[in-house]
Protein backbone atom coordinates (compact mmCIF):
# COMPACT_ATOMS: atom_id res chain seq x y z
CA MET A 1 53.72 32.73 -8.00
CA SER A 2 53.45 31.14 -4.57
CA GLU A 3 52.50 33.37 -1.72
CA PRO A 4 54.39 33.49 1.45
CA SER A 5 52.24 32.15 4.48
CA ASP A 6 51.89 33.69 7.87
CA GLU A 7 54.26 31.22 9.53
CA PHE A 8 56.85 31.73 6.80
CA SER A 9 60.25 32.17 8.54
CA ASN A 10 62.98 34.49 7.69
CA VAL A 11 65.12 31.54 6.61
CA GLY A 12 62.43 30.09 4.57
CA PHE A 13 61.82 33.39 2.74
CA ALA A 14 65.34 33.79 2.10
CA LYS A 15 65.64 30.32 0.63
CA THR A 16 62.58 30.59 -1.33
CA TYR A 17 62.88 34.09 -2.82
CA MET A 18 66.00 35.97 -1.81
CA ILE A 19 68.71 33.37 -2.94
CA PRO A 20 66.92 32.67 -6.30
CA ALA A 21 66.68 36.43 -6.82
CA LEU A 22 70.61 36.64 -6.80
CA PHE A 23 70.43 34.44 -9.89
CA ILE A 24 70.13 37.67 -11.84
CA PHE A 25 73.76 38.52 -11.10
CA MET A 26 75.08 35.22 -12.18
CA LEU A 27 75.20 35.79 -16.08
CA PRO A 28 76.53 39.35 -15.82
CA VAL A 29 79.26 38.41 -13.09
CA LEU A 30 80.37 35.48 -14.98
CA SER A 31 80.52 37.59 -18.24
CA TYR A 32 82.48 40.17 -16.65
CA LEU A 33 85.01 37.58 -15.30
CA PHE A 34 85.20 35.84 -18.69
CA PHE A 35 85.69 38.82 -20.80
CA ASP A 36 88.00 40.30 -18.35
CA HIS A 37 90.00 37.17 -18.52
CA VAL A 38 89.94 37.04 -22.24
CA GLU A 39 90.96 40.56 -22.60
CA ALA A 40 93.87 39.97 -20.16
CA THR A 41 95.07 37.00 -22.18
CA VAL A 42 94.93 38.95 -25.42
CA ASP A 43 96.75 41.92 -23.74
CA GLU A 44 99.53 39.44 -22.57
CA GLU A 45 99.73 38.06 -26.13
CA VAL A 46 100.14 41.51 -27.63
CA ARG A 47 102.55 42.44 -24.92
CA GLN A 48 104.87 39.59 -25.75
CA GLN A 49 104.69 40.37 -29.33
CA PHE A 50 105.59 43.98 -28.67
CA LEU A 51 108.52 42.91 -26.35
CA GLN A 52 109.73 40.58 -28.99
CA ASP A 53 109.59 43.33 -31.75
CA ILE A 54 111.37 45.85 -29.28
CA ARG A 55 114.19 43.29 -28.50
CA ALA A 56 114.67 42.65 -32.24
CA SER A 57 114.72 46.29 -33.24
CA VAL A 58 118.02 47.56 -34.62
CA GLU A 59 116.79 51.11 -34.73
CA MET A 60 116.80 51.60 -30.78
CA ASP A 61 119.77 51.77 -28.39
CA ALA A 62 119.87 49.81 -25.11
CA ALA A 63 118.55 52.69 -23.22
CA GLU A 64 115.51 53.31 -25.47
CA LYS A 65 114.82 49.59 -25.53
CA ALA A 66 114.84 49.40 -21.55
CA LYS A 67 112.36 52.39 -21.48
CA GLN A 68 110.03 50.90 -24.05
CA ILE A 69 110.21 47.47 -22.41
CA GLN A 70 109.36 49.02 -19.03
CA PHE A 71 106.37 51.01 -20.57
CA VAL A 72 104.90 47.98 -22.29
CA GLU A 73 105.28 45.83 -19.14
CA GLU A 74 103.47 48.58 -17.00
CA ASN A 75 100.50 49.08 -19.37
CA ASP A 76 97.79 46.74 -20.95
CA PHE A 77 97.26 47.30 -24.55
CA SER A 78 93.40 47.40 -23.92
CA ASP A 79 94.11 50.54 -21.80
CA LEU A 80 96.26 52.27 -24.23
CA LEU A 81 93.64 51.97 -26.94
CA VAL A 82 91.33 53.86 -24.79
CA LEU A 83 93.69 56.49 -23.80
CA ASP A 84 95.34 57.21 -27.20
CA PRO A 85 93.80 56.26 -30.60
CA GLN A 86 97.14 56.21 -32.25
CA TYR A 87 97.73 52.72 -30.78
CA GLU A 88 94.88 51.38 -33.23
CA ASP A 89 97.63 51.45 -35.94
CA TYR A 90 99.48 48.63 -34.16
CA ILE A 91 96.48 46.10 -34.48
CA THR A 92 94.31 44.69 -37.11
CA GLU A 93 90.59 45.55 -37.79
CA GLN A 94 89.74 42.25 -36.37
CA GLY A 95 91.78 42.75 -33.18
CA LEU A 96 90.21 46.28 -32.79
CA PHE A 97 86.78 44.77 -33.12
CA ASP A 98 87.57 42.04 -30.57
CA TYR A 99 88.82 44.47 -28.16
CA ALA A 100 85.70 46.63 -28.50
CA THR A 101 83.63 43.45 -27.89
CA PHE A 102 85.47 42.74 -24.78
CA ARG A 103 85.22 46.32 -23.54
CA TRP A 104 81.53 46.78 -24.32
CA MET A 105 80.74 43.35 -22.85
CA ASN A 106 82.31 44.26 -19.50
CA ARG A 107 80.48 47.63 -19.60
CA LEU A 108 77.14 45.97 -20.12
CA ALA A 109 77.90 43.46 -17.36
CA ALA A 110 78.71 46.22 -15.04
CA ILE A 111 75.56 48.02 -15.95
CA SER A 112 73.59 45.10 -15.44
CA ILE A 113 75.08 44.42 -11.99
CA LEU A 114 74.99 48.09 -10.68
CA THR A 115 71.38 48.72 -11.96
CA SER A 116 70.27 45.45 -10.37
CA MET A 117 71.95 46.33 -7.05
CA GLY A 118 70.47 49.89 -7.25
CA VAL A 119 66.80 48.64 -8.05
CA PHE A 120 67.11 46.04 -5.30
CA LEU A 121 67.90 48.82 -2.85
CA LEU A 122 65.00 50.96 -4.21
CA GLY A 123 62.64 47.97 -4.15
CA GLY A 124 63.61 47.22 -0.54
CA VAL A 125 62.96 50.94 0.33
CA CYS A 126 59.54 50.76 -1.42
CA VAL A 127 58.51 47.66 0.44
CA VAL A 128 59.55 49.21 3.84
CA PHE A 129 57.63 52.40 3.17
CA SER A 130 54.63 50.33 1.96
CA LEU A 131 54.00 49.13 5.50
CA ARG A 132 53.00 52.50 6.71
CA SER A 133 49.61 52.91 5.30
CA GLN A 134 47.38 51.97 2.31
CA TYR A 135 48.13 55.31 0.53
CA VAL A 136 51.97 54.93 0.82
CA GLN A 137 51.48 51.39 0.00
CA TYR A 138 49.79 52.06 -3.32
CA LEU A 139 52.35 54.77 -4.17
CA SER A 140 55.21 52.35 -3.23
CA LEU A 141 53.77 49.58 -5.27
CA LEU A 142 53.22 52.02 -8.12
CA VAL A 143 56.76 53.28 -8.19
CA GLY A 144 58.22 49.94 -7.53
CA TRP A 145 56.25 48.50 -10.40
CA HIS A 146 57.40 50.98 -12.96
CA VAL A 147 61.20 50.88 -11.86
CA LEU A 148 61.04 47.07 -11.76
CA ARG A 149 59.47 46.48 -15.07
CA ILE A 150 61.59 49.00 -16.89
CA ASN A 151 64.73 47.29 -15.11
CA ALA A 152 63.51 43.88 -16.09
CA ALA A 153 63.36 44.77 -19.75
CA ILE A 154 66.77 46.38 -19.64
CA GLN A 155 68.18 43.24 -17.83
CA ALA A 156 66.48 40.96 -20.46
CA LEU A 157 68.10 42.99 -23.24
CA ILE A 158 71.53 43.21 -21.77
CA GLN A 159 71.64 39.64 -20.70
CA GLY A 160 70.47 38.33 -24.00
CA VAL A 161 73.30 40.34 -25.70
CA LEU A 162 75.79 38.92 -23.18
CA LEU A 163 74.59 35.33 -23.82
CA VAL A 164 74.68 35.61 -27.63
CA THR A 165 78.18 36.98 -27.29
CA LEU A 166 79.31 34.22 -24.92
CA SER A 167 77.91 31.48 -27.30
CA TYR A 168 80.65 32.55 -29.75
CA TRP A 169 83.60 33.65 -27.50
CA VAL A 170 83.48 30.63 -25.05
CA THR A 171 84.13 28.03 -27.67
CA ALA A 172 86.17 30.41 -29.71
CA PHE A 173 88.48 31.21 -26.98
CA TRP A 174 88.96 27.92 -25.19
CA PHE A 175 88.45 25.46 -28.12
CA GLU A 176 89.29 27.69 -31.00
CA ILE A 177 85.97 26.89 -32.87
CA TYR A 178 82.56 28.46 -33.03
CA ILE A 179 79.23 26.77 -33.51
CA VAL A 180 76.89 28.60 -35.72
CA LYS A 181 73.98 26.55 -34.79
CA LEU A 182 74.57 27.15 -31.18
CA ILE A 183 74.80 30.85 -31.71
CA ILE A 184 71.67 31.11 -33.93
CA ILE A 185 69.71 29.05 -31.21
CA ILE A 186 70.74 31.28 -28.35
CA GLY A 187 70.26 34.42 -30.53
CA ILE A 188 66.57 33.23 -31.35
CA MET A 189 65.97 32.43 -27.61
CA ALA A 190 67.29 35.97 -26.65
CA ILE A 191 64.97 37.65 -29.14
CA CYS A 192 62.02 35.87 -28.17
CA GLY A 193 62.84 36.46 -24.53
CA VAL A 194 63.24 40.22 -24.95
CA PHE A 195 60.06 40.34 -27.17
CA LEU A 196 57.87 38.76 -24.62
CA VAL A 197 59.26 41.03 -21.79
CA ILE A 198 58.68 44.18 -23.78
CA LYS A 199 55.28 42.99 -25.02
CA ALA A 200 54.20 42.22 -21.35
CA ILE A 201 54.98 45.87 -20.44
CA PHE A 202 51.99 47.00 -22.65
CA GLU A 203 49.59 44.01 -21.92
CA ARG A 204 46.51 44.75 -20.33
CA SER A 205 44.07 42.33 -18.50
CA ASP A 206 40.48 42.15 -17.62
CA THR A 207 40.10 42.73 -13.86
CA ASP A 208 36.32 42.58 -13.93
CA SER A 209 34.67 39.81 -11.64
CA VAL A 210 31.77 37.60 -12.54
CA VAL A 211 29.41 37.31 -9.73
CA GLU A 212 26.29 35.00 -9.54
CA GLY A 213 23.36 36.68 -7.74
CA LYS A 214 20.38 39.20 -8.11
CA VAL A 215 21.28 42.90 -8.28
CA ILE A 216 19.20 45.06 -5.91
CA THR A 217 19.53 48.77 -6.91
CA ARG A 218 18.57 51.73 -4.64
CA ASP A 219 15.41 52.18 -6.87
CA ASP A 220 14.05 48.84 -5.29
CA PRO A 221 11.70 49.87 -2.53
CA MET A 222 12.80 47.44 0.21
CA PRO A 223 13.32 47.67 3.97
CA LEU A 224 16.87 46.54 3.16
CA TRP A 225 17.95 49.98 2.03
CA GLU A 226 16.58 51.68 5.15
CA ASP A 227 18.33 49.22 7.53
CA LEU A 228 21.50 49.72 5.41
CA ARG A 229 21.23 53.61 5.68
CA VAL A 230 21.08 53.47 9.35
CA ILE A 231 24.17 51.29 9.57
CA CYS A 232 26.01 53.55 7.12
CA GLN A 233 25.31 56.59 9.23
CA LYS A 234 26.58 54.85 12.32
CA VAL A 235 29.69 53.99 10.44
CA GLY A 236 30.12 57.09 8.66
CA THR A 237 29.97 56.25 4.99
CA GLN A 238 27.69 56.33 2.07
CA LEU A 239 25.18 53.72 0.89
CA PRO A 240 26.70 51.18 -1.76
CA ASP A 241 25.57 51.72 -5.32
CA GLN A 242 24.03 48.30 -5.47
CA VAL A 243 23.54 45.02 -3.42
CA ILE A 244 24.11 41.73 -4.98
CA ALA A 245 22.08 38.94 -3.33
CA GLY A 246 23.54 35.50 -3.83
CA ILE A 247 24.11 32.15 -2.20
CA ASP A 248 27.93 32.21 -1.57
CA ASP A 249 29.21 31.60 1.82
CA SER A 250 30.59 35.00 2.66
CA PHE A 251 29.85 38.75 2.61
CA TYR A 252 32.06 41.30 1.04
CA VAL A 253 32.36 44.74 -0.56
CA THR A 254 34.31 45.83 -3.62
CA GLU A 255 34.68 48.77 -5.89
CA HIS A 256 35.90 46.59 -8.78
CA PRO A 257 33.53 46.35 -11.81
CA VAL A 258 31.36 43.25 -11.39
CA THR A 259 29.49 41.43 -14.09
CA VAL A 260 26.09 39.98 -13.20
CA GLY A 261 24.42 38.11 -15.95
CA GLU A 262 25.51 40.21 -19.06
CA LYS A 263 25.55 43.60 -17.30
CA LYS A 264 28.52 45.34 -15.81
CA TYR A 265 28.04 47.30 -12.65
CA THR A 266 30.63 49.91 -11.33
CA GLY A 267 30.94 51.73 -8.14
CA ARG A 268 30.52 50.38 -4.63
CA THR A 269 29.02 46.96 -4.36
CA LEU A 270 27.87 44.96 -1.44
CA PHE A 271 27.49 41.25 -1.73
CA VAL A 272 25.21 39.59 0.81
CA SER A 273 24.62 35.98 1.09
CA LEU A 274 20.98 35.07 1.32
CA SER A 275 21.75 31.64 2.68
CA LEU A 276 23.83 33.26 5.52
CA LEU A 277 21.33 35.98 6.30
CA LYS A 278 18.64 33.25 6.93
CA GLN A 279 20.94 31.76 9.54
CA LEU A 280 21.87 35.01 11.24
CA ASP A 281 20.18 37.11 14.05
CA GLY A 282 19.19 40.61 13.24
CA GLU A 283 21.92 42.10 15.50
CA GLU A 284 24.39 39.50 14.10
CA ALA A 285 23.73 40.77 10.56
CA ASN A 286 24.00 44.41 11.64
CA ALA A 287 27.31 43.59 12.98
CA ILE A 288 28.48 41.72 9.87
CA LEU A 289 27.20 44.63 7.43
CA ALA A 290 28.63 47.31 9.77
CA HIS A 291 31.99 45.54 9.29
CA GLU A 292 31.47 45.56 5.48
CA MET A 293 30.53 49.21 5.33
CA ALA A 294 33.55 49.98 7.55
CA HIS A 295 35.72 48.92 4.64
CA PHE A 296 34.06 51.58 2.52
CA SER A 297 34.65 54.14 5.27
CA GLY A 298 38.34 53.27 5.54
CA GLU A 299 38.64 53.64 1.70
CA ASP A 300 39.86 50.00 1.66
CA THR A 301 37.98 49.01 -1.40
CA MET A 302 39.17 52.23 -3.22
CA TYR A 303 42.87 51.17 -2.60
CA SER A 304 42.07 47.62 -3.49
CA LEU A 305 40.67 49.10 -6.91
CA LYS A 306 43.92 50.85 -7.53
CA ILE A 307 46.35 48.14 -6.31
CA PHE A 308 44.63 45.07 -7.78
CA PRO A 309 45.26 46.12 -11.36
CA LEU A 310 49.08 46.66 -10.65
CA LEU A 311 49.24 43.29 -8.93
CA ASN A 312 47.54 41.68 -11.91
CA ARG A 313 49.89 43.23 -14.50
CA TYR A 314 52.82 42.39 -12.20
CA ASP A 315 51.76 38.73 -12.14
CA MET A 316 51.28 38.71 -15.91
CA TYR A 317 54.74 40.18 -16.36
CA LEU A 318 56.16 37.50 -14.13
CA TYR A 319 54.52 34.83 -16.25
CA ARG A 320 56.03 36.24 -19.43
CA LEU A 321 59.57 36.23 -17.57
CA TYR A 322 59.18 32.74 -16.63
CA GLU A 323 58.24 31.60 -20.02
CA GLY A 324 60.94 33.64 -21.65
CA GLY A 325 63.58 30.99 -21.05
CA ILE A 326 66.75 33.16 -20.89
CA THR A 327 64.80 35.54 -18.61
CA ILE A 328 64.50 33.15 -15.87
CA GLY A 329 66.97 34.92 -13.69
CA VAL A 330 65.07 38.08 -14.14
CA PHE A 331 61.86 36.19 -13.04
CA TYR A 332 63.30 35.14 -9.75
CA TYR A 333 64.37 38.82 -9.09
CA MET A 334 60.98 40.14 -9.83
CA ASN A 335 59.32 37.30 -8.02
CA CYS A 336 61.37 38.20 -4.78
CA PHE A 337 59.88 41.76 -4.77
CA ARG A 338 56.41 40.43 -5.51
CA ALA A 339 56.64 38.19 -2.35
CA MET A 340 57.90 41.01 -0.31
CA PHE A 341 55.10 43.25 -1.52
CA GLU A 342 52.79 40.35 -0.50
CA LEU A 343 53.95 40.40 2.98
CA SER A 344 53.27 44.28 3.00
CA LEU A 345 49.84 43.70 1.42
CA ARG A 346 48.86 40.88 3.97
CA LYS A 347 50.04 43.23 6.88
CA ILE A 348 47.83 46.13 5.79
CA SER A 349 44.94 43.75 4.84
CA ARG A 350 45.03 42.35 8.42
CA GLU A 351 45.13 45.84 9.86
CA ARG A 352 42.21 46.92 7.96
CA GLU A 353 40.25 43.81 9.04
CA TYR A 354 40.91 44.65 12.60
CA ARG A 355 39.72 48.23 12.10
CA ALA A 356 36.49 46.97 10.46
CA ASP A 357 36.06 44.54 13.32
CA ALA A 358 36.49 47.28 15.92
CA ILE A 359 33.91 49.45 14.24
CA ALA A 360 31.37 46.68 13.88
CA ALA A 361 31.81 45.88 17.55
CA GLN A 362 31.30 49.61 18.47
CA VAL A 363 28.23 50.02 16.18
CA THR A 364 26.69 46.78 17.59
CA SER A 365 28.42 45.03 20.45
CA ALA A 366 31.51 42.84 20.76
CA HIS A 367 29.24 39.93 21.63
CA ASP A 368 27.01 40.47 18.61
CA PHE A 369 29.92 40.61 16.24
CA ALA A 370 31.88 37.66 17.65
CA SER A 371 28.69 35.47 17.53
CA ALA A 372 28.05 36.50 13.92
CA LEU A 373 31.68 35.78 12.93
CA LEU A 374 31.54 32.30 14.42
CA ARG A 375 28.21 31.65 12.64
CA VAL A 376 29.58 32.85 9.48
CA VAL A 377 32.69 30.70 9.67
CA ALA A 378 30.77 27.66 10.90
CA TYR A 379 28.32 27.92 7.93
CA SER A 380 31.34 28.11 5.59
CA GLN A 381 32.98 24.98 7.15
CA TYR A 382 29.75 23.04 7.09
CA ARG A 383 28.75 23.84 3.52
CA THR A 384 32.32 22.87 2.44
CA GLN A 385 31.71 19.54 4.30
CA VAL A 386 28.31 18.90 2.80
CA GLN A 387 29.69 19.66 -0.85
CA THR A 388 32.64 17.46 -0.11
CA ASP A 389 30.76 14.52 0.92
CA LEU A 390 28.22 14.73 -1.97
CA PHE A 391 31.15 15.03 -4.37
CA ASP A 392 32.86 11.94 -2.87
CA GLU A 393 29.74 9.97 -3.64
CA GLU A 394 30.45 6.91 -6.10
CA GLN A 395 27.22 6.96 -7.85
CA ALA A 396 25.63 9.61 -10.00
CA LEU A 397 23.34 12.13 -8.04
CA GLU A 398 19.67 12.42 -8.97
CA THR A 399 19.61 15.48 -7.33
CA ALA A 400 22.15 17.60 -5.36
CA ASN A 401 20.10 18.77 -2.44
CA ILE A 402 22.87 20.82 -0.87
CA ALA A 403 20.62 23.68 0.53
CA GLU A 404 18.19 21.27 2.17
CA GLN A 405 21.05 19.35 3.83
CA ILE A 406 22.56 22.53 5.10
CA GLU A 407 19.40 23.89 6.57
CA ASN A 408 18.72 20.61 8.18
CA GLY A 409 21.89 20.07 9.75
CA PHE A 410 23.68 23.35 10.26
CA GLN A 411 22.42 23.97 13.90
CA GLU A 412 23.55 20.66 15.06
CA TYR A 413 26.95 21.03 13.29
CA SER A 414 27.51 24.51 14.66
CA ILE A 415 27.45 23.23 18.25
CA SER A 416 30.17 20.58 17.47
CA PHE A 417 32.00 23.43 15.41
CA ALA A 418 32.13 25.44 18.60
CA SER A 419 33.78 22.55 20.54
CA ASP A 420 36.66 22.07 17.90
CA LYS A 421 40.11 22.62 19.55
CA GLY A 422 41.46 24.14 16.43
CA LEU A 423 38.64 26.61 16.26
CA GLY A 424 40.99 29.67 16.92
CA GLU A 425 43.04 28.97 14.04
CA VAL A 426 40.18 29.05 11.46
CA GLU A 427 39.93 31.89 9.06
CA SER A 428 36.84 33.23 7.37
CA ALA A 429 36.48 32.87 3.62
CA HIS A 430 36.73 36.05 1.46
CA PRO A 431 37.19 36.44 -2.30
CA PHE A 432 39.55 39.39 -2.23
CA ASP A 433 41.22 39.61 1.14
CA SER A 434 42.89 37.30 3.78
CA HIS A 435 41.62 37.47 7.33
CA PRO A 436 43.30 36.84 10.52
CA PRO A 437 42.64 33.61 12.53
CA LEU A 438 39.49 33.81 14.75
CA HIS A 439 41.29 34.02 18.03
CA GLN A 440 43.23 36.97 16.98
CA ARG A 441 39.94 38.75 15.76
CA PHE A 442 38.36 37.90 19.18
CA GLU A 443 41.16 39.09 21.26
CA ALA A 444 41.27 42.35 19.41
CA ILE A 445 37.67 43.10 20.31
CA GLY A 446 38.06 42.01 23.96
CA VAL A 447 36.14 38.69 23.76
CA ARG A 448 37.87 35.32 24.88
CA LEU A 449 37.26 32.67 22.35
CA GLU A 450 36.58 29.55 24.54
CA PRO A 451 34.59 26.44 23.81
CA GLU A 452 31.67 27.20 26.40
CA SER A 453 31.20 30.70 25.33
CA ALA A 454 31.23 29.68 21.67
CA LYS A 455 28.52 27.18 22.30
CA GLN A 456 26.48 29.68 24.07
CA MET A 457 26.82 32.05 21.11
CA LEU A 458 25.69 29.29 18.67
CA MET A 459 23.14 27.64 20.98
CA TYR A 460 20.05 29.10 19.21
CA ALA A 461 19.34 29.42 15.46
CA GLY A 462 19.22 32.87 14.03
CA ASN A 463 15.93 34.66 13.45
CA GLY A 464 16.78 35.55 9.67
CA LEU A 465 15.57 39.14 10.24
CA TRP A 466 17.54 40.56 7.33
CA PHE A 467 16.69 37.78 4.97
CA ASP A 468 13.00 38.73 5.43
CA ASN A 469 13.75 42.31 4.55
CA ILE A 470 14.67 41.43 1.08
CA ARG A 471 11.59 40.98 -1.16
CA ASP A 472 11.08 37.61 -2.70
CA ALA A 473 14.21 36.30 -0.87
CA HIS A 474 13.03 32.76 -0.70
CA GLN A 475 12.15 32.60 -4.47
CA LEU A 476 15.55 34.30 -5.25
CA GLU A 477 17.62 31.83 -3.04
CA ARG A 478 15.73 28.90 -4.26
CA GLN A 479 16.24 29.72 -7.87
CA GLN A 480 19.91 30.22 -7.26
CA TRP A 481 20.31 26.92 -5.46
CA ASP A 482 18.51 25.10 -8.14
CA GLU A 483 21.06 26.41 -10.67
CA PHE A 484 24.00 25.78 -8.51
CA GLU A 485 22.92 22.24 -7.69
CA GLU A 486 22.22 21.20 -11.26
CA MET A 487 25.67 22.55 -12.18
CA PHE A 488 27.17 20.67 -9.07
CA ARG A 489 25.32 17.49 -10.12
CA LYS A 490 26.73 17.59 -13.72
CA TYR A 491 30.15 18.30 -12.62
CA HIS A 492 30.07 15.46 -10.12
CA GLU A 493 28.81 13.16 -12.83
CA GLU A 494 31.42 14.05 -15.31
CA SER A 495 34.03 13.54 -12.48
CA LEU A 496 32.69 9.87 -12.15
CA ALA A 497 33.66 9.54 -15.71
CA TYR A 498 37.24 10.04 -14.83
CA ARG A 499 36.92 7.79 -11.64
CA TYR A 500 35.28 4.78 -13.05
CA VAL A 501 37.00 1.54 -14.26
CA PRO A 502 33.37 0.47 -15.30
CA GLU A 503 32.33 -2.90 -13.72
CA THR A 504 28.55 -2.54 -14.28
CA ASP A 505 26.36 -1.47 -17.38
CA GLN A 506 25.31 1.70 -15.39
CA GLU A 507 29.09 2.75 -14.98
CA THR A 508 29.90 1.92 -18.59
CA GLU A 509 26.93 3.88 -19.78
CA LEU A 510 28.22 7.04 -17.87
CA VAL A 511 31.81 6.74 -18.98
CA LEU A 512 30.51 6.31 -22.70
CA LYS A 513 28.52 9.57 -22.10
CA TYR A 514 31.60 11.60 -21.89
CA PHE A 515 34.09 9.35 -23.75
CA PRO A 516 32.17 8.03 -26.62
CA PRO A 517 33.86 5.68 -29.28
CA ARG A 518 35.67 7.68 -31.96
CA SER A 519 36.26 6.31 -35.49
CA PHE A 520 38.76 7.60 -38.15
CA THR A 521 39.15 6.52 -41.78
CA GLY A 522 42.59 6.75 -43.31
CA LYS A 523 44.78 5.27 -46.06
CA ASP A 524 46.14 2.65 -43.72
CA GLY A 525 42.52 1.54 -42.79
CA ASP A 526 40.23 2.36 -39.99
CA LEU A 527 41.13 3.51 -36.48
CA GLN A 528 38.78 3.26 -33.51
CA ILE A 529 39.44 4.65 -30.02
CA THR A 530 37.26 3.70 -27.12
CA PHE A 531 37.62 4.63 -23.44
CA ASP A 532 39.58 1.66 -22.72
CA LYS A 533 41.43 0.67 -25.88
CA ILE A 534 42.69 1.64 -29.40
CA GLU A 535 42.14 -0.70 -32.37
CA HIS A 536 43.72 -0.23 -35.80
CA ALA A 537 43.00 -2.13 -39.07
CA LYS A 538 46.76 -2.96 -39.48
CA TRP A 539 47.22 -4.37 -36.07
CA ASN A 540 46.76 -7.83 -35.00
CA ASN A 541 45.46 -7.10 -31.47
CA SER A 542 43.97 -3.88 -29.92
CA ILE A 543 45.90 -2.00 -27.40
CA GLY A 544 44.45 -1.42 -23.93
CA PHE A 545 45.24 1.85 -22.34
CA GLY A 546 46.24 0.02 -19.25
CA ASP A 547 48.95 -1.80 -21.17
CA ILE A 548 50.73 1.12 -22.64
CA LYS A 549 54.18 1.71 -21.38
CA ASP A 550 54.95 4.86 -23.37
CA MET A 551 54.05 6.80 -26.59
CA SER A 552 56.22 8.96 -28.71
CA LEU A 553 55.61 11.17 -31.92
CA ASP A 554 58.51 11.48 -34.44
CA ASP A 555 59.00 14.31 -37.19
CA SER A 556 57.16 12.18 -39.65
CA ASN A 557 53.88 12.20 -37.63
CA ASN A 558 54.31 8.47 -36.73
CA LEU A 559 52.86 7.69 -33.16
CA THR A 560 54.79 4.90 -31.67
CA ILE A 561 53.16 2.97 -28.84
CA ASN A 562 55.01 0.46 -26.62
CA TYR A 563 52.69 -1.80 -24.74
CA GLN A 564 52.84 -4.85 -22.53
CA THR A 565 51.67 -8.13 -23.98
CA THR A 566 51.49 -11.59 -22.21
CA ALA A 567 55.15 -12.24 -22.86
CA LYS A 568 56.91 -9.08 -23.78
CA VAL A 569 56.65 -5.53 -24.56
CA THR A 570 55.42 -5.04 -28.22
CA THR A 571 55.48 -1.94 -30.41
CA ASP A 572 52.99 -0.68 -32.93
CA ARG A 573 52.54 2.65 -34.83
CA ILE A 574 49.81 4.71 -36.11
CA ARG A 575 50.90 6.69 -39.33
CA LEU A 576 48.97 9.81 -38.46
CA GLY A 577 49.84 11.47 -41.92
CA LYS A 578 47.60 8.78 -43.47
CA PHE A 579 44.70 10.47 -41.88
CA GLY A 580 45.15 13.87 -43.50
CA LYS A 581 43.68 16.78 -41.53
CA GLU A 582 42.33 14.64 -38.94
CA HIS A 583 45.70 13.66 -37.43
CA GLN A 584 45.59 16.38 -34.71
CA GLU A 585 42.21 15.42 -33.62
CA ILE A 586 43.42 11.72 -33.38
CA LEU A 587 46.25 12.78 -31.15
CA ASP A 588 43.92 14.93 -28.88
CA VAL A 589 41.40 12.07 -28.55
CA ILE A 590 44.15 9.64 -27.50
CA ASN A 591 45.65 11.97 -25.01
CA LEU A 592 42.23 12.69 -23.60
CA TYR A 593 41.22 9.00 -23.35
CA TYR A 594 44.56 7.83 -22.10
CA GLY A 595 44.42 10.79 -19.56
CA ARG A 596 41.04 9.47 -18.45
CA HIS A 597 42.54 6.01 -17.85
CA MET A 598 45.48 7.32 -15.87
CA ALA A 599 43.20 9.54 -13.66
CA ALA A 600 40.94 6.41 -13.06
CA ALA A 601 44.05 4.39 -12.08
CA GLU A 602 45.30 7.01 -9.70
CA TYR A 603 41.94 7.30 -8.12
CA LEU A 604 41.73 3.61 -7.60
CA LYS A 605 45.20 3.60 -6.30
CA GLU A 606 44.33 6.27 -3.76
CA LYS A 607 41.29 4.18 -2.65
CA GLY A 608 43.76 1.10 -2.17
CA LEU A 609 42.17 -0.64 -5.29
CA GLU A 610 43.90 -1.79 -8.45
CA THR A 611 42.71 -1.64 -12.02
CA ASN A 612 43.30 -4.24 -14.85
CA GLU A 613 41.76 -1.86 -17.40
């Protein structure tokens, strides 16, 4: 699901979410109109038959005929069946069944329309109330989630029944035929859609987070815990249950279960970035950590712990609705409320960020917090730039010395960062929450964000006081950087295998490392697939991936390949059935290697080059 941005206009929100949500009413409204029309048509046919019988009757005098004709003209037979069961004697069993079908389809359509309208209203009220506080937001989301998912299941069931019934009656009424295959297909789709939706109600998902770092417990005798205790006392909260020291480019707190290595940790967790602590002054680190502890004192992490599983289940439910086929209308309906709740979540999230900022500024100073915030954001931006530049390298990296480049160049970068005209719009990175732009956060604590003042804040490097308060910090940081840089180097190398159209032996060797030749033996002869072509014993020529126009697989497991030769487009086939159990593996390899070729061609195109592979 796409999330609404801060600049999202009311008109844009309506077009993207509100209008598609109305799609839920389309099927029941059309069904109601259709079955009402069919019932009226049948009523008219019955009326004409009654009138004909009355006029032809020899047992009634003129006055009685006039009375009966007036009664028949003023009443629909469908209404008479409901009011007086004796009229059932005037119609066949099939006719009674048809009338019952029309009546129940109209009832189901009306129920669908009215419940959707009611839930729409209730959902809107929940969203409005959710703006009041975190507690009300949680209750509103809890109530909204339960009501919405139950309504979604009901809508899926009702609309499935309507769709199956329409698949018979639309053709039967207008064309006087019915298509058994169509009814079966629609029926299967309806059953599958309802099954997925009901299944999703009971699905659970793992909400644990995997975190890279070193866990520091309260049992570890470090100055870190005493310094944290002082900050917690000033903020008015308890110490975290554990601290995780890592090398990410942010600080954060959470009460979600976190997994470090193979062990799960619960309770309050503080994540500190060793690499950032090295760059911060002691007072700047105090301010950042006071901000994080303020999230504990404001119970922000507690409500995040409660709300996140609801959102996770909601998103999973949306996914099931989307893949349910006939439930697409219900998906857009539910997605609209998810987007509205997202606006509420972002608003409350911003409010608690402002609160934590204010507490950090009070505990330390507005200047210290402002300079810390600038330094943290500058570090994140610079680290991203260093990693992006390294990843764009066209040769395999012997070493990915990211940490060294950051340490050597950060101070110079931070000065240029402070001069950036767009500095005020930058947001700090966070794994769980969104943050307001810098200029708004500065204004909220009474500090003007101007290039000159920003330069002054970042003029001198931090003393890394908190970094030194963590035992073996240098060793811990270096070990984590070594692991990260090796993973980065391997990922970069693999990406080169997708970028290269090899021109040198070195490039060819690298591509072959990840896309080695694959050979398969079948009853039609050998098949060989390399990174640039396919060869088959039954073919006169090999087929280069760059020459392929299209491929298709038929019901007999024959893979047809149309490819360009010098003069024309030629067709060859691979009879995959002749390769026994390996036929799926062959398909997977061809798709993988052809995908590699397409990725390389697209990359060269972006670079303004062409490929003849």
